[in-house]
């Protein structure tokens, strides 16, 4: 099982807008209940760095791509990044109720 992480350092004046877009996307995910997707957004203690975690059961199908709120989040976050995102793929070696 693999988990994708995207770490985005956000300009201080854009953090509230990005968080609002994340909240809207999570509400849409809750309503849509797409199968095979696990998603979380975390804030680092600096209150400017958001880390998104995404795990898919089937790597070929990403239900986020069809979600308008996800597309809106990408449009909002791109100009508000203070640095390029750090994207990493992780292999889960073990998990207790997380993945």
PDB file of N, CA and C in Angstrom:
ATOM      1  N   UNK A   1       0.850  -1.167   0.000  1.00  0.00           N
ATOM      2  CA  UNK A   1       0.000   0.000   0.000  1.00  0.00           C
ATOM      3  C   UNK A   1       0.898   1.233   0.000  1.00  0.00           C
ATOM      4  N   UNK A   2       0.523   2.225  -0.791  1.00  0.00           N
ATOM      5  CA  UNK A   2       1.305   3.442  -0.862  1.00  0.00           C
ATOM      6  C   UNK A   2       0.470   4.649  -0.455  1.00  0.00           C
ATOM      7  N   UNK A   3       1.169   5.629   0.097  1.00  0.00           N
ATOM      8  CA  UNK A   3       0.549   6.880   0.516  1.00  0.00           C
ATOM      9  C   UNK A   3       1.317   8.017  -0.139  1.00  0.00           C
ATOM     10  N   UNK A   4       0.584   8.910  -0.763  1.00  0.00           N
ATOM     11  CA  UNK A   4       1.172  10.107  -1.358  1.00  0.00           C
ATOM     12  C   UNK A   4       1.059  11.234  -0.349  1.00  0.00           C
ATOM     13  N   UNK A   5       2.153  11.977  -0.165  1.00  0.00           N
ATOM     14  CA  UNK A   5       2.090  13.175   0.655  1.00  0.00           C
ATOM     15  C   UNK A   5       2.476  14.375  -0.199  1.00  0.00           C
ATOM     16  N   UNK A   6       1.778  15.473   0.027  1.00  0.00           N
ATOM     17  CA  UNK A   6       2.100  16.734  -0.633  1.00  0.00           C
ATOM     18  C   UNK A   6       2.208  17.779   0.472  1.00  0.00           C
ATOM     19  N   UNK A   7       3.402  18.336   0.607  1.00  0.00           N
ATOM     20  CA  UNK A   7       3.656  19.351   1.630  1.00  0.00           C
ATOM     21  C   UNK A   7       3.736  20.708   0.939  1.00  0.00           C
ATOM     22  N   UNK A   8       2.905  21.639   1.395  1.00  0.00           N
ATOM     23  CA  UNK A   8       2.826  22.957   0.767  1.00  0.00           C
ATOM     24  C   UNK A   8       3.022  24.048   1.808  1.00  0.00           C
ATOM     25  N   UNK A   9       4.079  24.815   1.648  1.00  0.00           N
ATOM     26  CA  UNK A   9       4.295  25.998   2.485  1.00  0.00           C
ATOM     27  C   UNK A   9       3.467  27.120   1.875  1.00  0.00           C
ATOM     28  N   UNK A  10       2.567  27.692   2.666  1.00  0.00           N
ATOM     29  CA  UNK A  10       1.620  28.692   2.189  1.00  0.00           C
ATOM     30  C   UNK A  10       2.043  30.077   2.669  1.00  0.00           C
ATOM     31  N   UNK A  11       1.865  31.076   1.810  1.00  0.00           N
ATOM     32  CA  UNK A  11       2.121  32.461   2.210  1.00  0.00           C
ATOM     33  C   UNK A  11       1.189  32.791   3.374  1.00  0.00           C
ATOM     34  N   UNK A  12       1.694  33.498   4.389  1.00  0.00           N
ATOM     35  CA  UNK A  12       0.881  33.754   5.587  1.00  0.00           C
ATOM     36  C   UNK A  12      -0.501  34.334   5.297  1.00  0.00           C
ATOM     37  N   UNK A  13      -0.604  35.227   4.321  1.00  0.00           N
ATOM     38  CA  UNK A  13      -1.909  35.839   4.048  1.00  0.00           C
ATOM     39  C   UNK A  13      -2.849  34.925   3.264  1.00  0.00           C
ATOM     40  N   UNK A  14      -2.380  33.732   2.862  1.00  0.00           N
ATOM     41  CA  UNK A  14      -3.217  32.803   2.112  1.00  0.00           C
ATOM     42  C   UNK A  14      -3.672  31.586   2.884  1.00  0.00           C
ATOM     43  N   UNK A  15      -3.182  31.438   4.120  1.00  0.00           N
ATOM     44  CA  UNK A  15      -3.481  30.230   4.897  1.00  0.00           C
ATOM     45  C   UNK A  15      -4.983  30.056   5.115  1.00  0.00           C
ATOM     46  N   UNK A  16      -5.688  31.111   5.458  1.00  0.00           N
ATOM     47  CA  UNK A  16      -7.132  31.001   5.723  1.00  0.00           C
ATOM     48  C   UNK A  16      -7.888  30.583   4.460  1.00  0.00           C
ATOM     49  N   UNK A  17      -7.488  31.119   3.307  1.00  0.00           N
ATOM     50  CA  UNK A  17      -8.157  30.756   2.052  1.00  0.00           C
ATOM     51  C   UNK A  17      -7.923  29.292   1.704  1.00  0.00           C
ATOM     52  N   UNK A  18      -6.696  28.836   1.908  1.00  0.00           N
ATOM     53  CA  UNK A  18      -6.385  27.433   1.608  1.00  0.00           C
ATOM     54  C   UNK A  18      -7.132  26.519   2.569  1.00  0.00           C
ATOM     55  N   UNK A  19      -7.149  26.880   3.853  1.00  0.00           N
ATOM     56  CA  UNK A  19      -7.860  26.044   4.823  1.00  0.00           C
ATOM     57  C   UNK A  19      -9.348  25.970   4.507  1.00  0.00           C
ATOM     58  N   UNK A  20      -9.930  27.089   4.083  1.00  0.00           N
ATOM     59  CA  UNK A  20     -11.355  27.095   3.708  1.00  0.00           C
ATOM     60  C   UNK A  20     -11.599  26.186   2.508  1.00  0.00           C
ATOM     61  N   UNK A  21     -10.679  26.195   1.540  1.00  0.00           N
ATOM     62  CA  UNK A  21     -10.820  25.333   0.362  1.00  0.00           C
ATOM     63  C   UNK A  21     -10.681  23.865   0.750  1.00  0.00           C
ATOM     64  N   UNK A  22      -9.767  23.565   1.667  1.00  0.00           N
ATOM     65  CA  UNK A  22      -9.618  22.187   2.165  1.00  0.00           C
ATOM     66  C   UNK A  22     -10.903  21.758   2.865  1.00  0.00           C
ATOM     67  N   UNK A  23     -11.457  22.636   3.685  1.00  0.00           N
ATOM     68  CA  UNK A  23     -12.696  22.309   4.393  1.00  0.00           C
ATOM     69  C   UNK A  23     -13.835  22.009   3.415  1.00  0.00           C
ATOM     70  N   UNK A  24     -13.959  22.822   2.366  1.00  0.00           N
ATOM     71  CA  UNK A  24     -15.013  22.594   1.365  1.00  0.00           C
ATOM     72  C   UNK A  24     -14.806  21.254   0.656  1.00  0.00           C
ATOM     73  N   UNK A  25     -13.536  20.924   0.368  1.00  0.00           N
ATOM     74  CA  UNK A  25     -13.256  19.663  -0.296  1.00  0.00           C
ATOM     75  C   UNK A  25     -13.599  18.475   0.615  1.00  0.00           C
ATOM     76  N   UNK A  26     -13.291  18.600   1.892  1.00  0.00           N
ATOM     77  CA  UNK A  26     -13.589  17.512   2.819  1.00  0.00           C
ATOM     78  C   UNK A  26     -15.098  17.317   2.987  1.00  0.00           C
ATOM     79  N   UNK A  27     -15.845  18.393   2.993  1.00  0.00           N
ATOM     80  CA  UNK A  27     -17.310  18.287   3.045  1.00  0.00           C
ATOM     81  C   UNK A  27     -17.814  17.565   1.794  1.00  0.00           C
ATOM     82  N   UNK A  28     -17.261  17.919   0.640  1.00  0.00           N
ATOM     83  CA  UNK A  28     -17.663  17.266  -0.613  1.00  0.00           C
ATOM     84  C   UNK A  28     -17.278  15.790  -0.613  1.00  0.00           C
ATOM     85  N   UNK A  29     -16.111  15.460  -0.075  1.00  0.00           N
ATOM     86  CA  UNK A  29     -15.712  14.055   0.019  1.00  0.00           C
ATOM     87  C   UNK A  29     -16.651  13.285   0.937  1.00  0.00           C
ATOM     88  N   UNK A  30     -16.999  13.891   2.042  1.00  0.00           N
ATOM     89  CA  UNK A  30     -17.919  13.243   2.983  1.00  0.00           C
ATOM     90  C   UNK A  30     -19.258  12.970   2.309  1.00  0.00           C
ATOM     91  N   UNK A  31     -19.719  13.903   1.499  1.00  0.00           N
ATOM     92  CA  UNK A  31     -21.000  13.723   0.795  1.00  0.00           C
ATOM     93  C   UNK A  31     -20.887  12.671  -0.299  1.00  0.00           C
ATOM     94  N   UNK A  32     -19.778  12.667  -1.025  1.00  0.00           N
ATOM     95  CA  UNK A  32     -19.611  11.749  -2.160  1.00  0.00           C
ATOM     96  C   UNK A  32     -19.247  10.331  -1.714  1.00  0.00           C
ATOM     97  N   UNK A  33     -18.542  10.206  -0.598  1.00  0.00           N
ATOM     98  CA  UNK A  33     -18.127   8.898  -0.069  1.00  0.00           C
ATOM     99  C   UNK A  33     -17.443   8.023  -1.143  1.00  0.00           C
ATOM    100  N   UNK A  34     -16.420   8.539  -1.840  1.00  0.00           N
ATOM    101  CA  UNK A  34     -15.789   7.720  -2.881  1.00  0.00           C
ATOM    102  C   UNK A  34     -15.097   6.499  -2.283  1.00  0.00           C
ATOM    103  N   UNK A  35     -15.279   5.377  -2.931  1.00  0.00           N
ATOM    104  CA  UNK A  35     -14.657   4.129  -2.479  1.00  0.00           C
ATOM    105  C   UNK A  35     -13.156   4.151  -2.780  1.00  0.00           C
ATOM    106  N   UNK A  36     -12.394   3.510  -1.920  1.00  0.00           N
ATOM    107  CA  UNK A  36     -10.979   3.302  -2.181  1.00  0.00           C
ATOM    108  C   UNK A  36     -10.087   4.491  -1.924  1.00  0.00           C
ATOM    109  N   UNK A  37     -10.581   5.527  -1.243  1.00  0.00           N
ATOM    110  CA  UNK A  37      -9.797   6.735  -0.989  1.00  0.00           C
ATOM    111  C   UNK A  37      -9.764   7.021   0.503  1.00  0.00           C
ATOM    112  N   UNK A  38      -8.585   7.342   0.974  1.00  0.00           N
ATOM    113  CA  UNK A  38      -8.415   7.866   2.331  1.00  0.00           C
ATOM    114  C   UNK A  38      -7.629   9.162   2.173  1.00  0.00           C
ATOM    115  N   UNK A  39      -8.051  10.202   2.877  1.00  0.00           N
ATOM    116  CA  UNK A  39      -7.443  11.516   2.691  1.00  0.00           C
ATOM    117  C   UNK A  39      -7.404  12.238   4.028  1.00  0.00           C
ATOM    118  N   UNK A  40      -6.328  12.959   4.265  1.00  0.00           N
ATOM    119  CA  UNK A  40      -6.221  13.793   5.459  1.00  0.00           C
ATOM    120  C   UNK A  40      -5.395  15.024   5.116  1.00  0.00           C
ATOM    121  N   UNK A  41      -5.674  16.112   5.804  1.00  0.00           N
ATOM    122  CA  UNK A  41      -4.876  17.323   5.691  1.00  0.00           C
ATOM    123  C   UNK A  41      -4.393  17.680   7.094  1.00  0.00           C
ATOM    124  N   UNK A  42      -3.110  17.936   7.198  1.00  0.00           N
ATOM    125  CA  UNK A  42      -2.486  18.241   8.481  1.00  0.00           C
ATOM    126  C   UNK A  42      -1.801  19.600   8.401  1.00  0.00           C
ATOM    127  N   UNK A  43      -1.753  20.312   9.523  1.00  0.00           N
ATOM    128  CA  UNK A  43      -1.042  21.591   9.581  1.00  0.00           C
ATOM    129  C   UNK A  43       0.175  21.426  10.484  1.00  0.00           C
ATOM    130  N   UNK A  44       1.321  21.818   9.972  1.00  0.00           N
ATOM    131  CA  UNK A  44       2.537  21.799  10.791  1.00  0.00           C
ATOM    132  C   UNK A  44       2.437  22.890  11.858  1.00  0.00           C
ATOM    133  N   UNK A  45       3.241  22.786  12.919  1.00  0.00           N
ATOM    134  CA  UNK A  45       3.189  23.784  13.995  1.00  0.00           C
ATOM    135  C   UNK A  45       3.487  25.217  13.557  1.00  0.00           C
ATOM    136  N   UNK A  46       4.128  25.394  12.394  1.00  0.00           N
ATOM    137  CA  UNK A  46       4.399  26.764  11.930  1.00  0.00           C
ATOM    138  C   UNK A  46       3.132  27.477  11.446  1.00  0.00           C
ATOM    139  N   UNK A  47       2.012  26.755  11.360  1.00  0.00           N
ATOM    140  CA  UNK A  47       0.711  27.291  10.920  1.00  0.00           C
ATOM    141  C   UNK A  47       0.740  27.839   9.500  1.00  0.00           C
ATOM    142  N   UNK A  48       1.732  27.421   8.707  1.00  0.00           N
ATOM    143  CA  UNK A  48       1.830  27.848   7.316  1.00  0.00           C
ATOM    144  C   UNK A  48       2.105  26.690   6.363  1.00  0.00           C
ATOM    145  N   UNK A  49       2.339  25.511   6.910  1.00  0.00           N
ATOM    146  CA  UNK A  49       2.673  24.362   6.069  1.00  0.00           C
ATOM    147  C   UNK A  49       1.592  23.300   6.213  1.00  0.00           C
ATOM    148  N   UNK A  50       0.938  23.024   5.095  1.00  0.00           N
ATOM    149  CA  UNK A  50      -0.117  22.019   5.056  1.00  0.00           C
ATOM    150  C   UNK A  50       0.451  20.758   4.415  1.00  0.00           C
ATOM    151  N   UNK A  51       0.179  19.622   5.033  1.00  0.00           N
ATOM    152  CA  UNK A  51       0.589  18.338   4.490  1.00  0.00           C
ATOM    153  C   UNK A  51      -0.678  17.541   4.195  1.00  0.00           C
ATOM    154  N   UNK A  52      -0.841  17.156   2.942  1.00  0.00           N
ATOM    155  CA  UNK A  52      -1.980  16.334   2.538  1.00  0.00           C
ATOM    156  C   UNK A  52      -1.501  14.904   2.383  1.00  0.00           C
ATOM    157  N   UNK A  53      -2.292  13.959   2.895  1.00  0.00           N
ATOM    158  CA  UNK A  53      -2.012  12.535   2.744  1.00  0.00           C
ATOM    159  C   UNK A  53      -3.138  11.919   1.938  1.00  0.00           C
ATOM    160  N   UNK A  54      -2.771  11.113   0.936  1.00  0.00           N
ATOM    161  CA  UNK A  54      -3.775  10.452   0.106  1.00  0.00           C
ATOM    162  C   UNK A  54      -3.371   9.009  -0.109  1.00  0.00           C
ATOM    163  N   UNK A  55      -4.290   8.104   0.210  1.00  0.00           N
ATOM    164  CA  UNK A  55      -4.066   6.681  -0.023  1.00  0.00           C
ATOM    165  C   UNK A  55      -5.198   6.175  -0.891  1.00  0.00           C
ATOM    166  N   UNK A  56      -4.832   5.488  -1.958  1.00  0.00           N
ATOM    167  CA  UNK A  56      -5.811   4.916  -2.873  1.00  0.00           C
ATOM    168  C   UNK A  56      -5.699   3.398  -2.850  1.00  0.00           C
ATOM    169  N   UNK A  57      -6.843   2.715  -2.836  1.00  0.00           N
ATOM    170  CA  UNK A  57      -6.831   1.261  -2.950  1.00  0.00           C
ATOM    171  C   UNK A  57      -6.396   0.829  -4.342  1.00  0.00           C
ATOM    172  N   UNK A  58      -6.808   1.589  -5.360  1.00  0.00           N
ATOM    173  CA  UNK A  58      -6.478   1.293  -6.747  1.00  0.00           C
ATOM    174  C   UNK A  58      -5.743   2.499  -7.312  1.00  0.00           C
ATOM    175  N   UNK A  59      -4.436   2.371  -7.494  1.00  0.00           N
ATOM    176  CA  UNK A  59      -3.607   3.500  -7.919  1.00  0.00           C
ATOM    177  C   UNK A  59      -4.020   4.055  -9.279  1.00  0.00           C
ATOM    178  N   UNK A  60      -4.724   3.278 -10.063  1.00  0.00           N
ATOM    179  CA  UNK A  60      -5.114   3.739 -11.400  1.00  0.00           C
ATOM    180  C   UNK A  60      -6.331   4.664 -11.357  1.00  0.00           C
ATOM    181  N   UNK A  61      -7.075   4.657 -10.254  1.00  0.00           N
ATOM    182  CA  UNK A  61      -8.305   5.443 -10.168  1.00  0.00           C
ATOM    183  C   UNK A  61      -8.190   6.415  -8.994  1.00  0.00           C
ATOM    184  N   UNK A  62      -8.235   7.702  -9.300  1.00  0.00           N
ATOM    185  CA  UNK A  62      -8.188   8.724  -8.263  1.00  0.00           C
ATOM    186  C   UNK A  62      -9.500   9.501  -8.295  1.00  0.00           C
ATOM    187  N   UNK A  63     -10.424   9.229  -7.360  1.00  0.00           N
ATOM    188  CA  UNK A  63     -11.718   9.905  -7.373  1.00  0.00           C
ATOM    189  C   UNK A  63     -11.621  11.408  -7.127  1.00  0.00           C
ATOM    190  N   UNK A  64     -10.506  11.883  -6.598  1.00  0.00           N
ATOM    191  CA  UNK A  64     -10.359  13.318  -6.396  1.00  0.00           C
ATOM    192  C   UNK A  64     -10.399  14.083  -7.707  1.00  0.00           C
ATOM    193  N   UNK A  65      -9.895  13.457  -8.766  1.00  0.00           N
ATOM    194  CA  UNK A  65      -9.823  14.129 -10.066  1.00  0.00           C
ATOM    195  C   UNK A  65     -11.197  14.560 -10.576  1.00  0.00           C
ATOM    196  N   UNK A  66     -12.259  13.879 -10.150  1.00  0.00           N
ATOM    197  CA  UNK A  66     -13.621  14.195 -10.602  1.00  0.00           C
ATOM    198  C   UNK A  66     -14.364  15.138  -9.661  1.00  0.00           C
ATOM    199  N   UNK A  67     -13.728  15.536  -8.583  1.00  0.00           N
ATOM    200  CA  UNK A  67     -14.388  16.351  -7.565  1.00  0.00           C
ATOM    201  C   UNK A  67     -14.133  17.841  -7.833  1.00  0.00           C
ATOM    202  N   UNK A  68     -15.177  18.623  -8.126  1.00  0.00           N
ATOM    203  CA  UNK A  68     -14.981  20.050  -8.412  1.00  0.00           C
ATOM    204  C   UNK A  68     -14.273  20.801  -7.277  1.00  0.00           C
ATOM    205  N   UNK A  69     -14.542  20.413  -6.044  1.00  0.00           N
ATOM    206  CA  UNK A  69     -13.919  21.088  -4.902  1.00  0.00           C
ATOM    207  C   UNK A  69     -12.420  20.811  -4.829  1.00  0.00           C
ATOM    208  N   UNK A  70     -11.986  19.655  -5.311  1.00  0.00           N
ATOM    209  CA  UNK A  70     -10.559  19.355  -5.377  1.00  0.00           C
ATOM    210  C   UNK A  70      -9.890  20.227  -6.435  1.00  0.00           C
ATOM    211  N   UNK A  71     -10.532  20.347  -7.580  1.00  0.00           N
ATOM    212  CA  UNK A  71     -10.003  21.211  -8.640  1.00  0.00           C
ATOM    213  C   UNK A  71      -9.935  22.657  -8.159  1.00  0.00           C
ATOM    214  N   UNK A  72     -10.945  23.094  -7.420  1.00  0.00           N
ATOM    215  CA  UNK A  72     -10.949  24.457  -6.879  1.00  0.00           C
ATOM    216  C   UNK A  72      -9.815  24.640  -5.872  1.00  0.00           C
ATOM    217  N   UNK A  73      -9.578  23.634  -5.040  1.00  0.00           N
ATOM    218  CA  UNK A  73      -8.479  23.701  -4.080  1.00  0.00           C
ATOM    219  C   UNK A  73      -7.146  23.878  -4.805  1.00  0.00           C
ATOM    220  N   UNK A  74      -6.930  23.115  -5.857  1.00  0.00           N
ATOM    221  CA  UNK A  74      -5.677  23.234  -6.610  1.00  0.00           C
ATOM    222  C   UNK A  74      -5.518  24.630  -7.197  1.00  0.00           C
ATOM    223  N   UNK A  75      -6.599  25.203  -7.706  1.00  0.00           N
ATOM    224  CA  UNK A  75      -6.540  26.550  -8.278  1.00  0.00           C
ATOM    225  C   UNK A  75      -6.254  27.600  -7.207  1.00  0.00           C
ATOM    226  N   UNK A  76      -6.800  27.401  -6.021  1.00  0.00           N
ATOM    227  CA  UNK A  76      -6.596  28.352  -4.929  1.00  0.00           C
ATOM    228  C   UNK A  76      -5.188  28.247  -4.361  1.00  0.00           C
ATOM    229  N   UNK A  77      -4.705  27.036  -4.167  1.00  0.00           N
ATOM    230  CA  UNK A  77      -3.437  26.843  -3.476  1.00  0.00           C
ATOM    231  C   UNK A  77      -2.222  27.229  -4.327  1.00  0.00           C
ATOM    232  N   UNK A  78      -2.299  27.025  -5.615  1.00  0.00           N
ATOM    233  CA  UNK A  78      -1.117  27.235  -6.463  1.00  0.00           C
ATOM    234  C   UNK A  78      -0.508  28.631  -6.319  1.00  0.00           C
ATOM    235  N   UNK A  79      -1.266  29.706  -6.474  1.00  0.00           N
ATOM    236  CA  UNK A  79      -0.639  31.031  -6.345  1.00  0.00           C
ATOM    237  C   UNK A  79      -0.311  31.432  -4.902  1.00  0.00           C
ATOM    238  N   UNK A  80      -0.810  30.672  -3.930  1.00  0.00           N
ATOM    239  CA  UNK A  80      -0.577  31.002  -2.525  1.00  0.00           C
ATOM    240  C   UNK A  80       0.593  30.243  -1.906  1.00  0.00           C
ATOM    241  N   UNK A  81       1.223  29.379  -2.693  1.00  0.00           N
ATOM    242  CA  UNK A  81       2.384  28.652  -2.178  1.00  0.00           C
ATOM    243  C   UNK A  81       3.576  29.599  -2.036  1.00  0.00           C
ATOM    244  N   UNK A  82       4.284  29.468  -0.919  1.00  0.00           N
ATOM    245  CA  UNK A  82       5.492  30.258  -0.686  1.00  0.00           C
ATOM    246  C   UNK A  82       6.715  29.561  -1.272  1.00  0.00           C
ATOM    247  N   UNK A  83       6.571  28.289  -1.609  1.00  0.00           N
ATOM    248  CA  UNK A  83       7.663  27.487  -2.172  1.00  0.00           C
ATOM    249  C   UNK A  83       7.028  26.358  -2.966  1.00  0.00           C
ATOM    250  N   UNK A  84       7.798  25.736  -3.854  1.00  0.00           N
ATOM    251  CA  UNK A  84       7.247  24.584  -4.583  1.00  0.00           C
ATOM    252  C   UNK A  84       6.832  23.479  -3.606  1.00  0.00           C
ATOM    253  N   UNK A  85       5.805  22.709  -3.956  1.00  0.00           N
ATOM    254  CA  UNK A  85       5.377  21.630  -3.064  1.00  0.00           C
ATOM    255  C   UNK A  85       6.413  20.509  -3.026  1.00  0.00           C
ATOM    256  N   UNK A  86       6.429  19.810  -1.913  1.00  0.00           N
ATOM    257  CA  UNK A  86       7.265  18.616  -1.762  1.00  0.00           C
ATOM    258  C   UNK A  86       6.323  17.423  -1.872  1.00  0.00           C
ATOM    259  N   UNK A  87       6.485  16.635  -2.925  1.00  0.00           N
ATOM    260  CA  UNK A  87       5.610  15.498  -3.194  1.00  0.00           C
ATOM    261  C   UNK A  87       6.419  14.223  -3.000  1.00  0.00           C
ATOM    262  N   UNK A  88       5.882  13.320  -2.186  1.00  0.00           N
ATOM    263  CA  UNK A  88       6.582  12.056  -1.924  1.00  0.00           C
ATOM    264  C   UNK A  88       5.587  10.905  -1.919  1.00  0.00           C
ATOM    265  N   UNK A  89       6.054   9.760  -2.355  1.00  0.00           N
ATOM    266  CA  UNK A  89       5.271   8.525  -2.306  1.00  0.00           C
ATOM    267  C   UNK A  89       5.899   7.641  -1.226  1.00  0.00           C
ATOM    268  N   UNK A  90       5.070   7.148  -0.337  1.00  0.00           N
ATOM    269  CA  UNK A  90       5.513   6.324   0.779  1.00  0.00           C
ATOM    270  C   UNK A  90       4.918   4.933   0.644  1.00  0.00           C
ATOM    271  N   UNK A  91       5.658   3.922   1.057  1.00  0.00           N
ATOM    272  CA  UNK A  91       5.143   2.571   1.160  1.00  0.00           C
ATOM    273  C   UNK A  91       4.849   2.312   2.633  1.00  0.00           C
ATOM    274  N   UNK A  92       3.630   1.893   2.931  1.00  0.00           N
ATOM    275  CA  UNK A  92       3.233   1.623   4.308  1.00  0.00           C
ATOM    276  C   UNK A  92       3.774   0.258   4.707  1.00  0.00           C
ATOM    277  N   UNK A  93       4.626   0.240   5.713  1.00  0.00           N
ATOM    278  CA  UNK A  93       5.195  -1.016   6.214  1.00  0.00           C
ATOM    279  C   UNK A  93       4.335  -1.623   7.313  1.00  0.00           C
ATOM    280  N   UNK A  94       3.535  -0.804   7.928  1.00  0.00           N
ATOM    281  CA  UNK A  94       2.654  -1.255   8.987  1.00  0.00           C
ATOM    282  C   UNK A  94       1.786  -0.093   9.440  1.00  0.00           C
ATOM    283  N   UNK A  95       0.632  -0.399   9.972  1.00  0.00           N
ATOM    284  CA  UNK A  95      -0.282   0.640  10.405  1.00  0.00           C
ATOM    285  C   UNK A  95      -1.241   0.058  11.436  1.00  0.00           C
ATOM    286  N   UNK A  96      -1.595   0.848  12.406  1.00  0.00           N
ATOM    287  CA  UNK A  96      -2.645   0.471  13.335  1.00  0.00           C
ATOM    288  C   UNK A  96      -3.768   1.487  13.206  1.00  0.00           C
ATOM    289  N   UNK A  97      -4.822   1.107  12.512  1.00  0.00           N
ATOM    290  CA  UNK A  97      -6.034   1.902  12.321  1.00  0.00           C
ATOM    291  C   UNK A  97      -5.814   3.231  11.612  1.00  0.00           C
ATOM    292  N   UNK A  98      -4.711   3.394  10.932  1.00  0.00           N
ATOM    293  CA  UNK A  98      -4.501   4.642  10.192  1.00  0.00           C
ATOM    294  C   UNK A  98      -4.746   4.444   8.706  1.00  0.00           C
ATOM    295  N   UNK A  99      -4.233   3.361   8.154  1.00  0.00           N
ATOM    296  CA  UNK A  99      -4.430   3.068   6.742  1.00  0.00           C
ATOM    297  C   UNK A  99      -5.033   1.679   6.597  1.00  0.00           C
TER     298      UNK A  99
END
